[in-house]
Amino acid sequence: MTTVRSLVFTTWLYLSMAIFAVGLSPALLMPHRAAMTVIRWWAKFVLFGLRWICGVRVEFRGLEHRPAGPALVAAKHQGMLDVIIPFVVLDDPCMVMKKELMVLPFFGWFAWKTRMIPVDRSAGSKALKDMVRTARERVQQGRQVVIFPEGTRTEPGAVPDYKPGVAAIYRDLDGPCWPVATNSGVHWPAHGFRRYPGTVAFEFLAPVPAGLKRPEFMSQLEGKIEGASAALLPAPDLTHLS
């Protein structure tokens, strides 16, 4: 049954992209807010299908820590769902994303229109400088810049590898950083098409304060995200040991 439901949802997901891309493409010619509204509608549509087709619910925790206005948000990244969620829960998110995604139909079109932050990983130090500069501009526009500190999706419970990009933005902005933990990879894995019933939690954590040196900042950020994400994972099955 899980396989059948997952196949139906996968069809729902990609068909929804086509429908929204074609049916609501005029928003690409309208102001930023209109295009962002289309992405938000699509994100909610995906969550609706995820719940009613696959039995995967999404809940938000720690909303008292959710930033309002300009902010740097550093989130755990375990799968595609993590890219969708900011458009549901944040006011005006701006994603740091791979440049290659900007050419994708629908997603890339609206990412370009809503001025996301593309990163050319092949450009080395120039890519880092461009990312920091653009992040500063977006925050000055009152947006929430969302970055995945590990730079790519990781399996639940895997050893983390945090990249320096988040620290560079943090230092340049000279403000706090809001961590987000999740267990999304348990129910929407990074690889394969199966979606597993259960509850995905996205937990906003108390912000890492401004002004920390890079080692202390990275230590606090990783400790908060990894500790909270691990706490969201299901307890190991020890019945075979009894």
Protein backbone atom coordinates (compact mmCIF):
# COMPACT_ATOMS: atom_id res chain seq x y z
CA MET A 1 0.00 0.00 0.00
CA THR A 2 2.87 2.39 0.78
CA THR A 3 4.25 1.87 -2.72
CA VAL A 4 0.90 2.55 -4.39
CA ARG A 5 0.27 5.66 -2.31
CA SER A 6 3.76 6.93 -3.02
CA LEU A 7 3.29 6.48 -6.76
CA VAL A 8 0.00 8.37 -6.63
CA PHE A 9 1.60 11.17 -4.65
CA THR A 10 4.56 11.42 -7.01
CA THR A 11 2.10 11.86 -9.86
CA TRP A 12 0.22 14.46 -7.79
CA LEU A 13 3.46 16.33 -7.07
CA TYR A 14 4.73 16.66 -10.62
CA LEU A 15 1.30 17.20 -12.12
CA SER A 16 0.74 20.03 -9.65
CA MET A 17 3.96 21.67 -10.85
CA ALA A 18 2.71 21.60 -14.43
CA ILE A 19 -0.75 22.87 -13.50
CA PHE A 20 0.54 25.75 -11.39
CA ALA A 21 3.26 26.63 -13.90
CA VAL A 22 0.85 26.88 -16.81
CA GLY A 23 -2.33 28.00 -15.09
CA LEU A 24 -0.73 30.65 -12.89
CA SER A 25 2.17 31.70 -15.11
CA PRO A 26 0.75 35.26 -15.49
CA ALA A 27 2.01 35.82 -11.94
CA LEU A 28 5.51 35.86 -13.43
CA LEU A 29 4.60 39.21 -14.98
CA MET A 30 3.19 40.60 -11.75
CA PRO A 31 4.90 42.00 -8.61
CA HIS A 32 6.96 39.85 -6.27
CA ARG A 33 4.11 39.27 -3.83
CA ALA A 34 1.89 37.68 -6.48
CA ALA A 35 4.56 35.18 -7.51
CA MET A 36 5.30 34.35 -3.89
CA THR A 37 1.60 33.72 -3.32
CA VAL A 38 1.59 31.18 -6.16
CA ILE A 39 4.52 29.31 -4.56
CA ARG A 40 2.74 29.40 -1.21
CA TRP A 41 -0.45 27.98 -2.72
CA TRP A 42 1.52 25.24 -4.43
CA ALA A 43 3.36 24.37 -1.21
CA LYS A 44 0.07 24.03 0.67
CA PHE A 45 -1.33 21.93 -2.18
CA VAL A 46 1.64 19.57 -1.88
CA LEU A 47 1.17 19.25 1.89
CA PHE A 48 -2.52 18.51 1.38
CA GLY A 49 -1.67 15.65 -0.99
CA LEU A 50 1.10 14.40 1.28
CA ARG A 51 -1.33 14.09 4.17
CA TRP A 52 -4.34 12.61 2.41
CA ILE A 53 -2.53 10.36 -0.04
CA CYS A 54 0.49 9.20 1.98
CA GLY A 55 -0.67 9.78 5.56
CA VAL A 56 2.22 12.14 6.29
CA ARG A 57 1.27 15.02 8.56
CA VAL A 58 3.42 18.11 9.09
CA GLU A 59 3.53 19.97 12.38
CA PHE A 60 5.44 23.06 13.45
CA ARG A 61 7.03 23.42 16.85
CA GLY A 62 8.76 26.30 18.60
CA LEU A 63 6.82 28.90 16.66
CA GLU A 64 7.57 31.37 19.42
CA HIS A 65 11.10 31.37 17.97
CA ARG A 66 9.99 31.85 14.37
CA PRO A 67 11.56 35.08 13.04
CA ALA A 68 9.39 37.94 11.88
CA GLY A 69 10.97 40.35 9.42
CA PRO A 70 14.56 40.18 8.16
CA ALA A 71 16.46 37.13 9.40
CA LEU A 72 18.99 34.40 8.68
CA VAL A 73 17.47 30.93 9.05
CA ALA A 74 19.69 27.82 9.08
CA ALA A 75 17.74 24.59 8.59
CA LYS A 76 18.44 20.88 8.65
CA HIS A 77 18.12 19.38 5.17
CA GLN A 78 17.00 15.77 4.75
CA GLY A 79 14.82 15.94 1.64
CA MET A 80 12.71 17.93 -0.79
CA LEU A 81 10.07 18.71 1.82
CA ASP A 82 12.55 21.04 3.56
CA VAL A 83 12.60 23.23 0.45
CA ILE A 84 8.81 23.48 0.36
CA ILE A 85 8.11 24.18 4.04
CA PRO A 86 9.62 27.71 4.32
CA PHE A 87 6.99 28.98 1.88
CA VAL A 88 4.26 27.78 4.23
CA VAL A 89 5.60 29.01 7.55
CA LEU A 90 7.72 32.13 6.82
CA ASP A 91 6.52 35.53 5.63
CA ASP A 92 8.89 36.13 2.71
CA PRO A 93 11.53 33.40 2.48
CA CYS A 94 14.54 33.60 0.19
CA MET A 95 16.27 30.26 -0.39
CA VAL A 96 19.98 29.75 -0.93
CA MET A 97 19.91 27.12 -3.69
CA LYS A 98 22.01 25.43 -6.36
CA LYS A 99 22.23 27.46 -9.55
CA GLU A 100 21.21 24.38 -11.56
CA LEU A 101 17.71 24.49 -10.03
CA MET A 102 17.02 27.87 -11.58
CA VAL A 103 16.49 26.29 -15.02
CA LEU A 104 13.81 23.83 -13.88
CA PRO A 105 10.26 24.42 -15.19
CA PHE A 106 7.93 26.07 -12.67
CA PHE A 107 10.32 25.87 -9.71
CA GLY A 108 13.12 27.67 -11.52
CA TRP A 109 10.84 30.22 -13.13
CA PHE A 110 9.30 31.29 -9.85
CA ALA A 111 12.63 31.08 -8.02
CA TRP A 112 14.00 33.57 -10.53
CA LYS A 113 10.95 35.83 -10.23
CA THR A 114 11.03 35.83 -6.42
CA ARG A 115 14.78 36.48 -6.40
CA MET A 116 16.14 33.44 -4.64
CA ILE A 117 19.91 33.15 -4.12
CA PRO A 118 21.52 30.84 -6.71
CA VAL A 119 24.97 29.49 -5.90
CA ASP A 120 27.39 28.35 -8.60
CA ARG A 121 29.39 25.73 -6.73
CA SER A 122 32.01 25.61 -9.48
CA ALA A 123 32.90 29.27 -8.97
CA GLY A 124 34.86 28.73 -5.72
CA SER A 125 35.50 31.81 -3.56
CA LYS A 126 33.60 34.05 -5.96
CA ALA A 127 30.45 32.01 -5.33
CA LEU A 128 30.83 32.56 -1.58
CA LYS A 129 31.30 36.32 -2.00
CA ASP A 130 28.32 36.58 -4.34
CA MET A 131 26.16 34.56 -1.96
CA VAL A 132 27.05 36.76 1.02
CA ARG A 133 26.46 39.97 -0.93
CA THR A 134 23.08 38.81 -2.26
CA ALA A 135 22.00 37.53 1.17
CA ARG A 136 22.74 40.96 2.62
CA GLU A 137 20.61 42.60 -0.06
CA ARG A 138 17.69 40.25 0.59
CA VAL A 139 17.80 40.80 4.34
CA GLN A 140 17.87 44.55 3.77
CA GLN A 141 14.68 44.04 1.77
CA GLY A 142 13.08 42.55 4.89
CA ARG A 143 13.23 38.89 3.83
CA GLN A 144 14.15 35.70 5.67
CA VAL A 145 17.23 34.13 4.04
CA VAL A 146 17.05 30.34 4.41
CA ILE A 147 20.24 28.30 4.07
CA PHE A 148 20.97 24.62 4.57
CA PRO A 149 24.34 24.66 6.38
CA GLU A 150 25.33 21.19 5.15
CA GLY A 151 24.84 22.29 1.56
CA THR A 152 23.04 19.11 0.54
CA ARG A 153 20.55 16.53 1.79
CA THR A 154 21.70 14.09 4.47
CA GLU A 155 20.18 10.90 5.82
CA PRO A 156 18.53 11.06 9.26
CA GLY A 157 21.17 10.40 11.90
CA ALA A 158 24.10 10.72 9.49
CA VAL A 159 27.30 12.44 10.62
CA PRO A 160 26.86 16.15 9.74
CA ASP A 161 29.27 18.19 7.63
CA TYR A 162 28.53 21.88 8.04
CA LYS A 163 29.97 24.16 5.36
CA PRO A 164 31.43 27.67 5.99
CA GLY A 165 28.82 29.52 3.91
CA VAL A 166 26.37 30.01 6.77
CA ALA A 167 29.14 31.45 8.97
CA ALA A 168 30.13 33.91 6.25
CA ILE A 169 26.57 35.21 5.96
CA TYR A 170 26.17 35.32 9.75
CA ARG A 171 29.34 37.38 10.14
CA ASP A 172 28.38 39.77 7.35
CA LEU A 173 24.86 40.36 8.65
CA ASP A 174 26.07 40.80 12.24
CA GLY A 175 22.76 39.51 13.59
CA PRO A 176 21.33 36.36 15.16
CA CYS A 177 20.71 33.12 13.30
CA TRP A 178 17.54 31.06 13.72
CA PRO A 179 18.12 27.26 13.59
CA VAL A 180 15.46 24.80 12.42
CA ALA A 181 15.49 21.07 13.18
CA THR A 182 13.51 18.35 11.41
CA ASN A 183 12.98 14.63 10.96
CA SER A 184 11.62 14.99 7.41
CA GLY A 185 13.93 12.35 5.95
CA VAL A 186 12.20 9.63 7.95
CA HIS A 187 8.93 10.13 6.06
CA TRP A 188 10.10 11.78 2.80
CA PRO A 189 13.57 10.33 2.18
CA ALA A 190 16.12 12.12 0.02
CA HIS A 191 16.29 9.19 -2.39
CA GLY A 192 13.60 6.97 -3.85
CA PHE A 193 9.92 7.70 -4.33
CA ARG A 194 8.41 6.12 -1.20
CA ARG A 195 6.77 8.30 1.43
CA TYR A 196 6.17 6.74 4.84
CA PRO A 197 3.15 7.58 7.04
CA GLY A 198 3.73 9.50 10.24
CA THR A 199 4.39 13.01 11.48
CA VAL A 200 7.11 15.27 10.16
CA ALA A 201 8.12 17.95 12.65
CA PHE A 202 9.83 21.23 11.87
CA GLU A 203 11.08 22.83 15.05
CA PHE A 204 12.23 26.44 15.31
CA LEU A 205 14.90 26.80 17.97
CA ALA A 206 16.08 29.73 20.06
CA PRO A 207 18.37 31.88 17.88
CA VAL A 208 22.12 31.77 18.06
CA PRO A 209 23.05 35.29 19.24
CA ALA A 210 24.93 37.77 17.09
CA GLY A 211 28.59 38.56 17.46
CA LEU A 212 30.09 35.12 18.03
CA LYS A 213 33.43 34.10 16.57
CA ARG A 214 33.18 31.55 13.77
CA PRO A 215 34.18 28.45 15.81
CA GLU A 216 31.72 29.27 18.59
CA PHE A 217 28.96 30.11 16.14
CA MET A 218 29.40 26.89 14.19
CA SER A 219 29.59 24.86 17.38
CA GLN A 220 26.38 26.35 18.76
CA LEU A 221 24.52 26.11 15.45
CA GLU A 222 25.46 22.50 14.81
CA GLY A 223 24.80 21.53 18.41
CA LYS A 224 21.32 23.05 18.37
CA ILE A 225 20.24 21.68 14.99
CA GLU A 226 21.72 18.21 15.36
CA GLY A 227 20.61 17.76 18.97
CA ALA A 228 17.02 18.79 18.24
CA SER A 229 16.87 16.82 14.97
CA ALA A 230 18.14 13.67 16.70
CA ALA A 231 15.47 14.10 19.38
CA LEU A 232 12.80 14.07 16.66
CA LEU A 233 13.91 10.70 15.28
CA PRO A 234 12.01 7.55 16.28
CA ALA A 235 13.48 5.57 19.15
CA PRO A 236 15.55 2.56 18.02
CA ASP A 237 13.85 -0.82 18.11
CA LEU A 238 15.59 -2.80 20.89
CA THR A 239 13.11 -5.67 21.11
CA HIS A 240 15.59 -8.00 19.39
CA LEU A 241 17.95 -7.50 22.36
CA SER A 242 15.47 -8.75 24.97
